[in-house]
């Protein structure tokens, strides 16, 4: 897959994951909310990719990680640590989402 104009070309890999019905429904709702409010198609893959980018940008790592719940707690703690930093990251994600082609 090649990105749109002005974006760097990068190799992407297909990753198969297993989500429960509630998780899939949530991803679909996010995508539909974006589509109906902005007209921008926002598929599951872009949502998951954006979430991974947030985790990378805030320096989330797996050192000492033992459970999925711990990962969630670390993420919440990092995002709530600085409201201004969380807002800045949210703005970057929003800009990136609008810059990507559907």
N, C-alpha and C. Protein backbone atom coordinates (compact mmCIF):
# COMPACT_ATOMS: atom_id res chain seq x y z
N UNK A 1 0.85 -1.18 0.00
CA UNK A 1 0.00 0.00 0.00
C UNK A 1 0.89 1.23 0.00
N UNK A 2 0.55 2.19 -0.80
CA UNK A 2 1.31 3.43 -0.90
C UNK A 2 0.43 4.57 -0.41
N UNK A 3 1.01 5.45 0.36
CA UNK A 3 0.28 6.58 0.93
C UNK A 3 0.02 7.65 -0.13
N UNK A 4 -0.80 8.64 0.22
CA UNK A 4 -1.16 9.72 -0.68
C UNK A 4 -0.03 10.70 -0.93
N UNK A 5 -0.30 11.72 -1.72
CA UNK A 5 0.70 12.71 -2.07
C UNK A 5 1.22 13.39 -0.82
N UNK A 6 2.51 13.63 -0.81
CA UNK A 6 3.11 14.34 0.31
C UNK A 6 3.43 13.45 1.50
N UNK A 7 2.97 12.23 1.48
CA UNK A 7 3.27 11.32 2.58
C UNK A 7 4.36 10.36 2.15
N UNK A 8 5.20 9.98 3.10
CA UNK A 8 6.28 9.07 2.77
C UNK A 8 5.72 7.70 2.40
N UNK A 9 6.41 7.04 1.48
CA UNK A 9 6.02 5.68 1.11
C UNK A 9 6.63 4.75 2.14
N UNK A 10 5.83 3.83 2.63
CA UNK A 10 6.36 2.85 3.57
C UNK A 10 5.68 1.52 3.32
N UNK A 11 6.43 0.51 3.58
CA UNK A 11 5.91 -0.84 3.39
C UNK A 11 4.95 -1.16 4.53
N UNK A 12 3.81 -1.71 4.19
CA UNK A 12 2.85 -2.11 5.22
C UNK A 12 2.70 -3.62 5.19
N UNK A 13 2.30 -4.17 6.31
CA UNK A 13 2.15 -5.61 6.46
C UNK A 13 0.75 -5.92 6.94
N UNK A 14 0.20 -6.98 6.43
CA UNK A 14 -1.12 -7.43 6.87
C UNK A 14 -0.96 -8.15 8.21
N UNK A 15 -1.77 -7.77 9.17
CA UNK A 15 -1.75 -8.39 10.49
C UNK A 15 -3.16 -8.87 10.80
N UNK A 16 -3.28 -10.12 11.15
CA UNK A 16 -4.59 -10.68 11.51
C UNK A 16 -4.71 -10.63 13.02
N UNK A 17 -5.84 -10.12 13.49
CA UNK A 17 -6.07 -10.04 14.93
C UNK A 17 -7.46 -10.55 15.25
N UNK A 18 -7.65 -10.94 16.48
CA UNK A 18 -8.95 -11.43 16.93
C UNK A 18 -9.51 -10.45 17.95
N UNK A 19 -10.68 -9.91 17.65
CA UNK A 19 -11.37 -8.98 18.53
C UNK A 19 -12.73 -9.55 18.85
N UNK A 20 -13.25 -9.18 20.03
CA UNK A 20 -14.61 -9.64 20.34
C UNK A 20 -15.62 -8.70 19.66
N UNK A 21 -16.86 -9.08 19.67
CA UNK A 21 -17.92 -8.33 18.96
C UNK A 21 -17.99 -6.88 19.44
N UNK A 22 -17.86 -6.67 20.73
CA UNK A 22 -17.94 -5.31 21.29
C UNK A 22 -16.81 -4.43 20.75
N UNK A 23 -15.61 -4.99 20.65
CA UNK A 23 -14.48 -4.23 20.13
C UNK A 23 -14.67 -3.87 18.65
N UNK A 24 -15.15 -4.83 17.87
CA UNK A 24 -15.40 -4.58 16.45
C UNK A 24 -16.49 -3.52 16.29
N UNK A 25 -17.55 -3.64 17.09
CA UNK A 25 -18.64 -2.65 17.03
C UNK A 25 -18.13 -1.25 17.36
N UNK A 26 -17.23 -1.16 18.34
CA UNK A 26 -16.68 0.13 18.72
C UNK A 26 -15.87 0.73 17.56
N UNK A 27 -15.02 -0.08 16.93
CA UNK A 27 -14.25 0.41 15.78
C UNK A 27 -15.18 0.87 14.66
N UNK A 28 -16.23 0.10 14.41
CA UNK A 28 -17.18 0.47 13.37
C UNK A 28 -17.90 1.77 13.70
N UNK A 29 -18.25 1.96 14.97
CA UNK A 29 -18.92 3.19 15.40
C UNK A 29 -18.00 4.40 15.19
N UNK A 30 -16.73 4.26 15.56
CA UNK A 30 -15.79 5.36 15.33
C UNK A 30 -15.73 5.72 13.85
N UNK A 31 -15.65 4.71 13.01
CA UNK A 31 -15.59 4.95 11.57
C UNK A 31 -16.85 5.60 11.03
N UNK A 32 -18.01 5.13 11.49
CA UNK A 32 -19.27 5.71 11.03
C UNK A 32 -19.44 7.14 11.53
N UNK A 33 -19.04 7.40 12.77
CA UNK A 33 -19.11 8.76 13.30
C UNK A 33 -18.28 9.71 12.43
N UNK A 34 -17.08 9.27 12.06
CA UNK A 34 -16.22 10.10 11.21
C UNK A 34 -16.86 10.31 9.84
N UNK A 35 -17.38 9.24 9.26
CA UNK A 35 -17.99 9.32 7.93
C UNK A 35 -19.18 10.26 7.91
N UNK A 36 -20.08 10.12 8.88
CA UNK A 36 -21.30 10.92 8.89
C UNK A 36 -21.06 12.36 9.32
N UNK A 37 -20.04 12.61 10.13
CA UNK A 37 -19.80 13.98 10.59
C UNK A 37 -18.85 14.76 9.68
N UNK A 38 -17.97 14.06 8.96
CA UNK A 38 -16.99 14.77 8.13
C UNK A 38 -16.99 14.33 6.67
N UNK A 39 -17.60 13.19 6.39
CA UNK A 39 -17.57 12.65 5.04
C UNK A 39 -16.30 11.89 4.73
N UNK A 40 -15.42 11.76 5.74
CA UNK A 40 -14.15 11.06 5.56
C UNK A 40 -14.32 9.61 5.99
N UNK A 41 -13.96 8.70 5.07
CA UNK A 41 -14.01 7.28 5.39
C UNK A 41 -12.84 6.95 6.31
N UNK A 42 -13.11 6.30 7.41
CA UNK A 42 -12.09 6.01 8.41
C UNK A 42 -12.21 4.54 8.80
N UNK A 43 -11.60 3.64 8.04
CA UNK A 43 -11.74 2.21 8.28
C UNK A 43 -11.02 1.73 9.54
N UNK A 44 -11.36 0.53 9.94
CA UNK A 44 -10.77 -0.07 11.15
C UNK A 44 -9.25 -0.02 11.13
N UNK A 45 -8.67 -0.31 9.99
CA UNK A 45 -7.20 -0.35 9.91
C UNK A 45 -6.58 1.00 10.24
N UNK A 46 -7.19 2.08 9.79
CA UNK A 46 -6.65 3.41 10.10
C UNK A 46 -6.83 3.76 11.56
N UNK A 47 -7.93 3.32 12.17
CA UNK A 47 -8.16 3.57 13.59
C UNK A 47 -7.10 2.85 14.41
N UNK A 48 -6.89 1.57 14.12
CA UNK A 48 -5.90 0.79 14.86
C UNK A 48 -4.51 1.37 14.65
N UNK A 49 -4.19 1.75 13.43
CA UNK A 49 -2.90 2.35 13.13
C UNK A 49 -2.69 3.65 13.91
N UNK A 50 -3.73 4.48 13.98
CA UNK A 50 -3.63 5.74 14.73
C UNK A 50 -3.41 5.47 16.22
N UNK A 51 -4.07 4.46 16.76
CA UNK A 51 -3.88 4.13 18.18
C UNK A 51 -2.46 3.65 18.44
N UNK A 52 -1.91 2.88 17.52
CA UNK A 52 -0.52 2.42 17.67
C UNK A 52 0.43 3.61 17.62
N UNK A 53 0.18 4.56 16.73
CA UNK A 53 1.03 5.74 16.64
C UNK A 53 0.99 6.56 17.93
N UNK A 54 -0.17 6.66 18.55
CA UNK A 54 -0.28 7.37 19.84
C UNK A 54 0.59 6.67 20.87
N UNK A 55 0.47 5.35 20.95
CA UNK A 55 1.25 4.58 21.93
C UNK A 55 2.75 4.81 21.70
N UNK A 56 3.16 4.83 20.45
CA UNK A 56 4.58 5.06 20.13
C UNK A 56 5.01 6.46 20.53
N UNK A 57 4.19 7.46 20.21
CA UNK A 57 4.55 8.86 20.47
C UNK A 57 4.64 9.17 21.96
N UNK A 58 3.86 8.49 22.77
CA UNK A 58 3.93 8.76 24.21
C UNK A 58 4.95 7.88 24.91
N UNK A 59 5.65 7.04 24.13
CA UNK A 59 6.72 6.23 24.70
C UNK A 59 6.24 5.01 25.47
N UNK A 60 5.07 4.51 25.15
CA UNK A 60 4.55 3.32 25.82
C UNK A 60 5.43 2.13 25.45
N UNK A 61 5.83 1.35 26.46
CA UNK A 61 6.66 0.18 26.17
C UNK A 61 6.14 -1.04 26.93
N UNK A 62 6.73 -2.18 26.66
CA UNK A 62 6.26 -3.43 27.24
C UNK A 62 7.11 -3.96 28.37
N UNK A 63 8.04 -3.16 28.87
CA UNK A 63 8.92 -3.63 29.95
C UNK A 63 8.11 -3.97 31.19
N UNK A 64 8.28 -5.20 31.66
CA UNK A 64 7.60 -5.66 32.87
C UNK A 64 6.11 -5.90 32.72
N UNK A 65 5.63 -5.83 31.52
CA UNK A 65 4.20 -5.99 31.25
C UNK A 65 3.78 -7.45 31.42
N UNK A 66 2.72 -7.67 32.18
CA UNK A 66 2.26 -9.04 32.43
C UNK A 66 0.82 -9.28 32.00
N UNK A 67 0.04 -8.22 31.84
CA UNK A 67 -1.38 -8.41 31.51
C UNK A 67 -1.88 -7.27 30.63
N UNK A 68 -2.91 -7.58 29.86
CA UNK A 68 -3.54 -6.59 28.99
C UNK A 68 -4.05 -5.40 29.79
N UNK A 69 -4.57 -5.67 30.98
CA UNK A 69 -5.09 -4.59 31.82
C UNK A 69 -3.99 -3.62 32.23
N UNK A 70 -2.78 -4.14 32.45
CA UNK A 70 -1.65 -3.27 32.79
C UNK A 70 -1.32 -2.32 31.64
N UNK A 71 -1.40 -2.84 30.43
CA UNK A 71 -1.13 -2.01 29.26
C UNK A 71 -2.15 -0.87 29.18
N UNK A 72 -3.41 -1.19 29.40
CA UNK A 72 -4.45 -0.16 29.40
C UNK A 72 -4.22 0.89 30.46
N UNK A 73 -3.83 0.45 31.64
CA UNK A 73 -3.56 1.39 32.74
C UNK A 73 -2.37 2.29 32.42
N UNK A 74 -1.33 1.72 31.84
CA UNK A 74 -0.17 2.53 31.46
C UNK A 74 -0.56 3.59 30.43
N UNK A 75 -1.36 3.18 29.47
CA UNK A 75 -1.80 4.10 28.43
C UNK A 75 -2.61 5.24 29.03
N UNK A 76 -3.57 4.91 29.89
CA UNK A 76 -4.39 5.95 30.53
C UNK A 76 -3.53 6.89 31.36
N UNK A 77 -2.58 6.33 32.09
CA UNK A 77 -1.72 7.14 32.95
C UNK A 77 -0.88 8.10 32.12
N UNK A 78 -0.32 7.60 31.01
CA UNK A 78 0.51 8.45 30.16
C UNK A 78 -0.32 9.57 29.51
N UNK A 79 -1.52 9.24 29.09
CA UNK A 79 -2.36 10.25 28.42
C UNK A 79 -2.93 11.26 29.40
N UNK A 80 -3.18 10.86 30.63
CA UNK A 80 -3.75 11.80 31.60
C UNK A 80 -2.67 12.56 32.35
N UNK A 81 -1.41 12.18 32.19
CA UNK A 81 -0.31 12.83 32.89
C UNK A 81 -0.18 14.30 32.56
N UNK A 82 -0.44 14.66 31.33
CA UNK A 82 -0.32 16.05 30.91
C UNK A 82 -1.45 16.35 29.93
N UNK A 83 -2.41 17.13 30.39
CA UNK A 83 -3.55 17.45 29.53
C UNK A 83 -3.11 18.14 28.25
N UNK A 84 -2.14 19.04 28.37
CA UNK A 84 -1.69 19.76 27.17
C UNK A 84 -1.01 18.80 26.20
N UNK A 85 -0.25 17.84 26.70
CA UNK A 85 0.40 16.86 25.84
C UNK A 85 -0.64 15.98 25.17
N UNK A 86 -1.66 15.56 25.91
CA UNK A 86 -2.73 14.73 25.34
C UNK A 86 -3.46 15.50 24.24
N UNK A 87 -3.73 16.79 24.48
CA UNK A 87 -4.40 17.60 23.47
C UNK A 87 -3.54 17.76 22.21
N UNK A 88 -2.25 17.96 22.42
CA UNK A 88 -1.32 18.10 21.30
C UNK A 88 -1.30 16.83 20.46
N UNK A 89 -1.23 15.67 21.12
CA UNK A 89 -1.24 14.40 20.40
C UNK A 89 -2.56 14.19 19.67
N UNK A 90 -3.66 14.53 20.31
CA UNK A 90 -4.97 14.38 19.67
C UNK A 90 -5.04 15.25 18.42
N UNK A 91 -4.50 16.45 18.50
CA UNK A 91 -4.48 17.33 17.34
C UNK A 91 -3.65 16.77 16.20
N UNK A 92 -2.51 16.18 16.54
CA UNK A 92 -1.66 15.56 15.51
C UNK A 92 -2.37 14.40 14.84
N UNK A 93 -3.05 13.59 15.63
CA UNK A 93 -3.77 12.44 15.08
C UNK A 93 -4.89 12.91 14.17
N UNK A 94 -5.59 13.94 14.61
CA UNK A 94 -6.69 14.48 13.80
C UNK A 94 -6.16 15.01 12.47
N UNK A 95 -5.05 15.73 12.51
CA UNK A 95 -4.45 16.26 11.28
C UNK A 95 -4.02 15.13 10.36
N UNK A 96 -3.40 14.10 10.93
CA UNK A 96 -2.94 12.97 10.13
C UNK A 96 -4.11 12.24 9.49
N UNK A 97 -5.21 12.12 10.22
CA UNK A 97 -6.39 11.43 9.70
C UNK A 97 -6.97 12.18 8.51
N UNK A 98 -6.97 13.49 8.57
CA UNK A 98 -7.52 14.29 7.47
C UNK A 98 -6.58 14.32 6.28
N UNK A 99 -5.29 14.12 6.52
CA UNK A 99 -4.31 14.17 5.44
C UNK A 99 -4.27 12.88 4.63
N UNK A 100 -4.67 11.77 5.23
CA UNK A 100 -4.62 10.48 4.55
C UNK A 100 -5.80 10.31 3.61
N UNK A 101 -5.55 9.71 2.45
CA UNK A 101 -6.66 9.43 1.53
C UNK A 101 -7.49 8.27 2.05
N UNK A 102 -8.76 8.21 1.65
CA UNK A 102 -9.66 7.14 2.09
C UNK A 102 -9.29 5.82 1.48
